[in-house]
Each structure stands twice: as structure tokens, then as C-alpha cells.
PDB file of N, CA and C in Angstrom:
ATOM      1  N   MET A   1      92.733  98.932 109.028  1.00  0.00           N
ATOM      2  CA  MET A   1      92.239 100.106 109.641  1.00  0.00           C
ATOM      3  C   MET A   1      93.355 100.918 110.235  1.00  0.00           C
ATOM      4  N   VAL A   2      93.243 102.283 110.061  1.00  0.00           N
ATOM      5  CA  VAL A   2      94.242 103.096 110.631  1.00  0.00           C
ATOM      6  C   VAL A   2      94.182 103.201 112.024  1.00  0.00           C
ATOM      7  N   ILE A   3      95.268 102.969 112.799  1.00  0.00           N
ATOM      8  CA  ILE A   3      95.372 103.025 114.146  1.00  0.00           C
ATOM      9  C   ILE A   3      95.956 104.414 114.673  1.00  0.00           C
ATOM     10  N   CYS A   4      97.091 104.650 113.972  1.00  0.00           N
ATOM     11  CA  CYS A   4      97.635 105.957 114.260  1.00  0.00           C
ATOM     12  C   CYS A   4      97.632 106.957 113.119  1.00  0.00           C
ATOM     13  N   ASN A   5      96.768 108.021 113.328  1.00  0.00           N
ATOM     14  CA  ASN A   5      96.459 108.934 112.255  1.00  0.00           C
ATOM     15  C   ASN A   5      97.712 109.762 111.893  1.00  0.00           C
ATOM     16  N   CYS A   6      98.454 110.098 113.085  1.00  0.00           N
ATOM     17  CA  CYS A   6      99.681 111.044 112.911  1.00  0.00           C
ATOM     18  C   CYS A   6     100.732 110.396 111.917  1.00  0.00           C
ATOM     19  N   ASN A   7     100.943 109.078 112.092  1.00  0.00           N
ATOM     20  CA  ASN A   7     101.969 108.422 111.451  1.00  0.00           C
ATOM     21  C   ASN A   7     101.415 107.395 110.405  1.00  0.00           C
ATOM     22  N   TYR A   8     100.170 107.318 110.183  1.00  0.00           N
ATOM     23  CA  TYR A   8      99.481 106.508 109.261  1.00  0.00           C
ATOM     24  C   TYR A   8      99.944 105.051 109.373  1.00  0.00           C
ATOM     25  N   LEU A   9      99.813 104.585 110.649  1.00  0.00           N
ATOM     26  CA  LEU A   9     100.090 103.177 110.897  1.00  0.00           C
ATOM     27  C   LEU A   9      98.794 102.425 111.038  1.00  0.00           C
ATOM     28  N   THR A  10      98.676 101.266 110.200  1.00  0.00           N
ATOM     29  CA  THR A  10      97.420 100.632 110.255  1.00  0.00           C
ATOM     30  C   THR A  10      97.554  99.403 111.294  1.00  0.00           C
ATOM     31  N   SER A  11      96.371  98.706 111.458  1.00  0.00           N
ATOM     32  CA  SER A  11      96.356  97.588 112.280  1.00  0.00           C
ATOM     33  C   SER A  11      97.237  96.503 111.955  1.00  0.00           C
ATOM     34  N   ASN A  12      97.419  96.197 110.486  1.00  0.00           N
ATOM     35  CA  ASN A  12      98.339  95.364 109.943  1.00  0.00           C
ATOM     36  C   ASN A  12      99.789  95.648 110.321  1.00  0.00           C
ATOM     37  N   ASP A  13     100.018  96.908 110.163  1.00  0.00           N
ATOM     38  CA  ASP A  13     101.491  97.460 110.392  1.00  0.00           C
ATOM     39  C   ASP A  13     101.875  96.960 111.932  1.00  0.00           C
ATOM     40  N   ILE A  14     100.979  97.360 112.714  1.00  0.00           N
ATOM     41  CA  ILE A  14     101.175  97.149 114.116  1.00  0.00           C
ATOM     42  C   ILE A  14     101.158  95.636 114.500  1.00  0.00           C
ATOM     43  N   GLU A  15     100.403  94.806 113.954  1.00  0.00           N
ATOM     44  CA  GLU A  15     100.411  93.429 114.212  1.00  0.00           C
ATOM     45  C   GLU A  15     101.726  92.902 113.696  1.00  0.00           C
ATOM     46  N   LYS A  16     102.252  93.234 112.660  1.00  0.00           N
ATOM     47  CA  LYS A  16     103.547  92.839 112.167  1.00  0.00           C
ATOM     48  C   LYS A  16     104.640  93.256 113.079  1.00  0.00           C
ATOM     49  N   ALA A  17     104.571  94.456 113.440  1.00  0.00           N
ATOM     50  CA  ALA A  17     105.708  94.927 114.450  1.00  0.00           C
ATOM     51  C   ALA A  17     105.685  94.022 115.750  1.00  0.00           C
ATOM     52  N   CYS A  18     104.437  93.849 116.279  1.00  0.00           N
ATOM     53  CA  CYS A  18     104.258  92.999 117.524  1.00  0.00           C
ATOM     54  C   CYS A  18     104.745  91.476 117.130  1.00  0.00           C
ATOM     55  N   GLU A  19     104.505  91.096 116.072  1.00  0.00           N
ATOM     56  CA  GLU A  19     104.978  89.683 115.708  1.00  0.00           C
ATOM     57  C   GLU A  19     106.425  89.569 115.668  1.00  0.00           C
ATOM     58  N   GLN A  20     107.098  90.620 115.295  1.00  0.00           N
ATOM     59  CA  GLN A  20     108.598  90.677 115.318  1.00  0.00           C
ATOM     60  C   GLN A  20     109.172  90.902 116.631  1.00  0.00           C
ATOM     61  N   GLY A  21     108.345  90.883 117.615  1.00  0.00           N
ATOM     62  CA  GLY A  21     109.007  91.057 119.055  1.00  0.00           C
ATOM     63  C   GLY A  21     108.979  92.254 119.547  1.00  0.00           C
ATOM     64  N   ASN A  22     108.511  93.371 119.015  1.00  0.00           N
ATOM     65  CA  ASN A  22     108.367  94.756 119.465  1.00  0.00           C
ATOM     66  C   ASN A  22     107.294  94.842 120.508  1.00  0.00           C
ATOM     67  N   ASN A  23     107.499  94.657 121.805  1.00  0.00           N
ATOM     68  CA  ASN A  23     106.530  94.572 122.879  1.00  0.00           C
ATOM     69  C   ASN A  23     106.533  95.896 123.751  1.00  0.00           C
ATOM     70  N   ARG A  24     106.747  96.975 123.191  1.00  0.00           N
ATOM     71  CA  ARG A  24     106.679  98.254 123.863  1.00  0.00           C
ATOM     72  C   ARG A  24     106.189  99.185 122.708  1.00  0.00           C
ATOM     73  N   VAL A  25     105.442 100.274 123.123  1.00  0.00           N
ATOM     74  CA  VAL A  25     104.840 101.126 122.247  1.00  0.00           C
ATOM     75  C   VAL A  25     105.954 101.896 121.423  1.00  0.00           C
ATOM     76  N   ASP A  26     106.970 102.279 122.087  1.00  0.00           N
ATOM     77  CA  ASP A  26     108.105 102.977 121.366  1.00  0.00           C
ATOM     78  C   ASP A  26     108.830 102.095 120.451  1.00  0.00           C
ATOM     79  N   ALA A  27     108.899 100.846 120.729  1.00  0.00           N
ATOM     80  CA  ALA A  27     109.503  99.935 119.761  1.00  0.00           C
ATOM     81  C   ALA A  27     108.721  99.686 118.502  1.00  0.00           C
ATOM     82  N   VAL A  28     107.323  99.764 118.677  1.00  0.00           N
ATOM     83  CA  VAL A  28     106.392  99.644 117.604  1.00  0.00           C
ATOM     84  C   VAL A  28     106.642 100.779 116.567  1.00  0.00           C
ATOM     85  N   PHE A  29     106.809 102.004 117.138  1.00  0.00           N
ATOM     86  CA  PHE A  29     106.965 103.153 116.370  1.00  0.00           C
ATOM     87  C   PHE A  29     108.358 103.119 115.618  1.00  0.00           C
ATOM     88  N   SER A  30     109.334 102.755 116.412  1.00  0.00           N
ATOM     89  CA  SER A  30     110.812 102.539 115.962  1.00  0.00           C
ATOM     90  C   SER A  30     110.935 101.716 114.816  1.00  0.00           C
ATOM     91  N   CYS A  31     110.118 100.628 114.809  1.00  0.00           N
ATOM     92  CA  CYS A  31     110.041  99.601 113.734  1.00  0.00           C
ATOM     93  C   CYS A  31     109.788 100.286 112.371  1.00  0.00           C
ATOM     94  N   PHE A  32     109.008 101.379 112.371  1.00  0.00           N
ATOM     95  CA  PHE A  32     108.750 102.099 111.140  1.00  0.00           C
ATOM     96  C   PHE A  32     109.441 103.502 110.968  1.00  0.00           C
ATOM     97  N   SER A  33     110.456 103.630 111.838  1.00  0.00           N
ATOM     98  CA  SER A  33     111.182 104.858 111.892  1.00  0.00           C
ATOM     99  C   SER A  33     110.303 106.103 112.112  1.00  0.00           C
ATOM    100  N   LYS A  34     109.306 105.867 113.136  1.00  0.00           N
ATOM    101  CA  LYS A  34     108.321 106.941 113.503  1.00  0.00           C
ATOM    102  C   LYS A  34     108.444 107.162 114.944  1.00  0.00           C
ATOM    103  N   ARG A  35     107.803 108.145 115.501  1.00  0.00           N
ATOM    104  CA  ARG A  35     107.774 108.482 116.873  1.00  0.00           C
ATOM    105  C   ARG A  35     106.270 108.793 117.222  1.00  0.00           C
ATOM    106  N   GLU A  36     105.938 108.615 118.557  1.00  0.00           N
ATOM    107  CA  GLU A  36     104.610 108.992 118.903  1.00  0.00           C
ATOM    108  C   GLU A  36     104.457 110.428 118.853  1.00  0.00           C
ATOM    109  N   CYS A  37     103.222 110.878 118.427  1.00  0.00           N
ATOM    110  CA  CYS A  37     102.892 112.315 118.402  1.00  0.00           C
ATOM    111  C   CYS A  37     101.886 112.656 119.390  1.00  0.00           C
ATOM    112  N   CYS A  38     100.596 112.605 119.112  1.00  0.00           N
ATOM    113  CA  CYS A  38      99.498 113.004 120.043  1.00  0.00           C
ATOM    114  C   CYS A  38      99.267 112.045 121.135  1.00  0.00           C
ATOM    115  N   GLY A  39      99.548 110.710 120.944  1.00  0.00           N
ATOM    116  CA  GLY A  39      99.354 109.710 121.862  1.00  0.00           C
ATOM    117  C   GLY A  39      97.910 109.055 121.956  1.00  0.00           C
ATOM    118  N   GLN A  40      96.970 109.515 121.152  1.00  0.00           N
ATOM    119  CA  GLN A  40      95.627 108.913 121.082  1.00  0.00           C
ATOM    120  C   GLN A  40      95.715 107.430 120.817  1.00  0.00           C
ATOM    121  N   CYS A  41      96.735 106.977 119.928  1.00  0.00           N
ATOM    122  CA  CYS A  41      96.755 105.645 119.479  1.00  0.00           C
ATOM    123  C   CYS A  41      97.446 104.683 120.472  1.00  0.00           C
ATOM    124  N   VAL A  42      98.014 105.242 121.542  1.00  0.00           N
ATOM    125  CA  VAL A  42      98.815 104.385 122.526  1.00  0.00           C
ATOM    126  C   VAL A  42      97.966 103.334 123.071  1.00  0.00           C
ATOM    127  N   PRO A  43      96.816 103.629 123.586  1.00  0.00           N
ATOM    128  CA  PRO A  43      95.943 102.609 124.183  1.00  0.00           C
ATOM    129  C   PRO A  43      95.721 101.481 123.189  1.00  0.00           C
ATOM    130  N   GLU A  44      95.406 101.780 122.004  1.00  0.00           N
ATOM    131  CA  GLU A  44      95.055 100.663 120.974  1.00  0.00           C
ATOM    132  C   GLU A  44      96.316  99.892 120.696  1.00  0.00           C
ATOM    133  N   ILE A  45      97.539 100.521 120.500  1.00  0.00           N
ATOM    134  CA  ILE A  45      98.796  99.839 120.254  1.00  0.00           C
ATOM    135  C   ILE A  45      99.050  98.874 121.464  1.00  0.00           C
ATOM    136  N   GLU A  46      98.854  99.371 122.629  1.00  0.00           N
ATOM    137  CA  GLU A  46      99.082  98.542 123.844  1.00  0.00           C
ATOM    138  C   GLU A  46      98.151  97.286 123.934  1.00  0.00           C
ATOM    139  N   LYS A  47      96.963  97.367 123.095  1.00  0.00           N
ATOM    140  CA  LYS A  47      96.068  96.355 123.223  1.00  0.00           C
ATOM    141  C   LYS A  47      96.672  95.256 122.291  1.00  0.00           C
ATOM    142  N   TYR A  48      97.200  95.799 121.069  1.00  0.00           N
ATOM    143  CA  TYR A  48      97.806  94.789 120.102  1.00  0.00           C
ATOM    144  C   TYR A  48      98.990  94.108 120.671  1.00  0.00           C
ATOM    145  N   ILE A  49      99.872  94.886 121.518  1.00  0.00           N
ATOM    146  CA  ILE A  49     101.000  94.217 122.188  1.00  0.00           C
ATOM    147  C   ILE A  49     100.556  93.240 123.165  1.00  0.00           C
ATOM    148  N   ALA A  50      99.514  93.457 123.984  1.00  0.00           N
ATOM    149  CA  ALA A  50      99.071  92.624 124.993  1.00  0.00           C
ATOM    150  C   ALA A  50      98.431  91.320 124.303  1.00  0.00           C
ATOM    151  N   THR A  51      97.822  91.475 123.230  1.00  0.00           N
ATOM    152  CA  THR A  51      97.304  90.324 122.534  1.00  0.00           C
ATOM    153  C   THR A  51      98.287  89.436 121.955  1.00  0.00           C
ATOM    154  N   GLN A  52      99.209  90.057 121.352  1.00  0.00           N
ATOM    155  CA  GLN A  52     100.415  89.328 120.825  1.00  0.00           C
ATOM    156  C   GLN A  52     101.277  88.606 121.832  1.00  0.00           C
ATOM    157  N   SER A  53     101.311  89.228 122.908  1.00  0.00           N
ATOM    158  CA  SER A  53     102.110  88.714 124.039  1.00  0.00           C
ATOM    159  C   SER A  53     101.308  87.323 124.607  1.00  0.00           C
ATOM    160  N   LEU A  54     100.038  87.565 124.604  1.00  0.00           N
ATOM    161  CA  LEU A  54      99.283  86.405 125.070  1.00  0.00           C
ATOM    162  C   LEU A  54      99.418  85.208 124.037  1.00  0.00           C
ATOM    163  N   ILE A  55      99.427  85.450 122.794  1.00  0.00           N
ATOM    164  CA  ILE A  55      99.659  84.528 121.783  1.00  0.00           C
ATOM    165  C   ILE A  55     100.916  83.799 121.881  1.00  0.00           C
ATOM    166  N   THR A  56     102.101  84.587 122.048  1.00  0.00           N
ATOM    167  CA  THR A  56     103.423  83.979 121.985  1.00  0.00           C
ATOM    168  C   THR A  56     103.891  83.637 123.398  1.00  0.00           C
ATOM    169  N   GLY A  57     103.155  84.062 124.415  1.00  0.00           N
ATOM    170  CA  GLY A  57     103.544  83.814 125.759  1.00  0.00           C
ATOM    171  C   GLY A  57     104.700  84.671 126.321  1.00  0.00           C
ATOM    172  N   LEU A  58     104.724  85.767 125.805  1.00  0.00           N
ATOM    173  CA  LEU A  58     105.831  86.709 126.239  1.00  0.00           C
ATOM    174  C   LEU A  58     105.205  87.729 127.133  1.00  0.00           C
ATOM    175  N   ASP A  59     106.006  88.310 128.112  1.00  0.00           N
ATOM    176  CA  ASP A  59     105.467  89.330 129.027  1.00  0.00           C
ATOM    177  C   ASP A  59     105.434  90.621 128.216  1.00  0.00           C
ATOM    178  N   ALA A  60     104.464  91.380 128.354  1.00  0.00           N
ATOM    179  CA  ALA A  60     104.230  92.752 127.720  1.00  0.00           C
ATOM    180  C   ALA A  60     105.000  93.810 128.629  1.00  0.00           C
TER     181      ALA A  60
END
């Protein structure tokens, strides 16, 4: 599922970035050499970060 329409980042992309330890929205974008555009995807990306943090036991 596409999470970020501006940069065409999918849920799989974001999950992989979070699994690699990117625990900030800007770090997720940087992982793909992208930058936040309109911001509509930020809450959803934050959910992925929080979920991955719970799984790995890291602080978001």
C-alpha cells in the first residue's frame, strides 16, 4: 500500500526503513534519498516507527 504519494513510498518501504533502525520520520525519508513534501503521510509513518519500536524495544 502506498503511504507517501508525493515520494511513492509503500508500507513495505517504510517497514524496511524502520527495521534498519530509522526511528524518526526524516530518517525514513533519508533512507530513500527523499524529503517530506506535503506532510499527509507523517502520522502514518509515525505509526510504523512506533510499532517497530515496540517490536524491537527501542524508544521512538
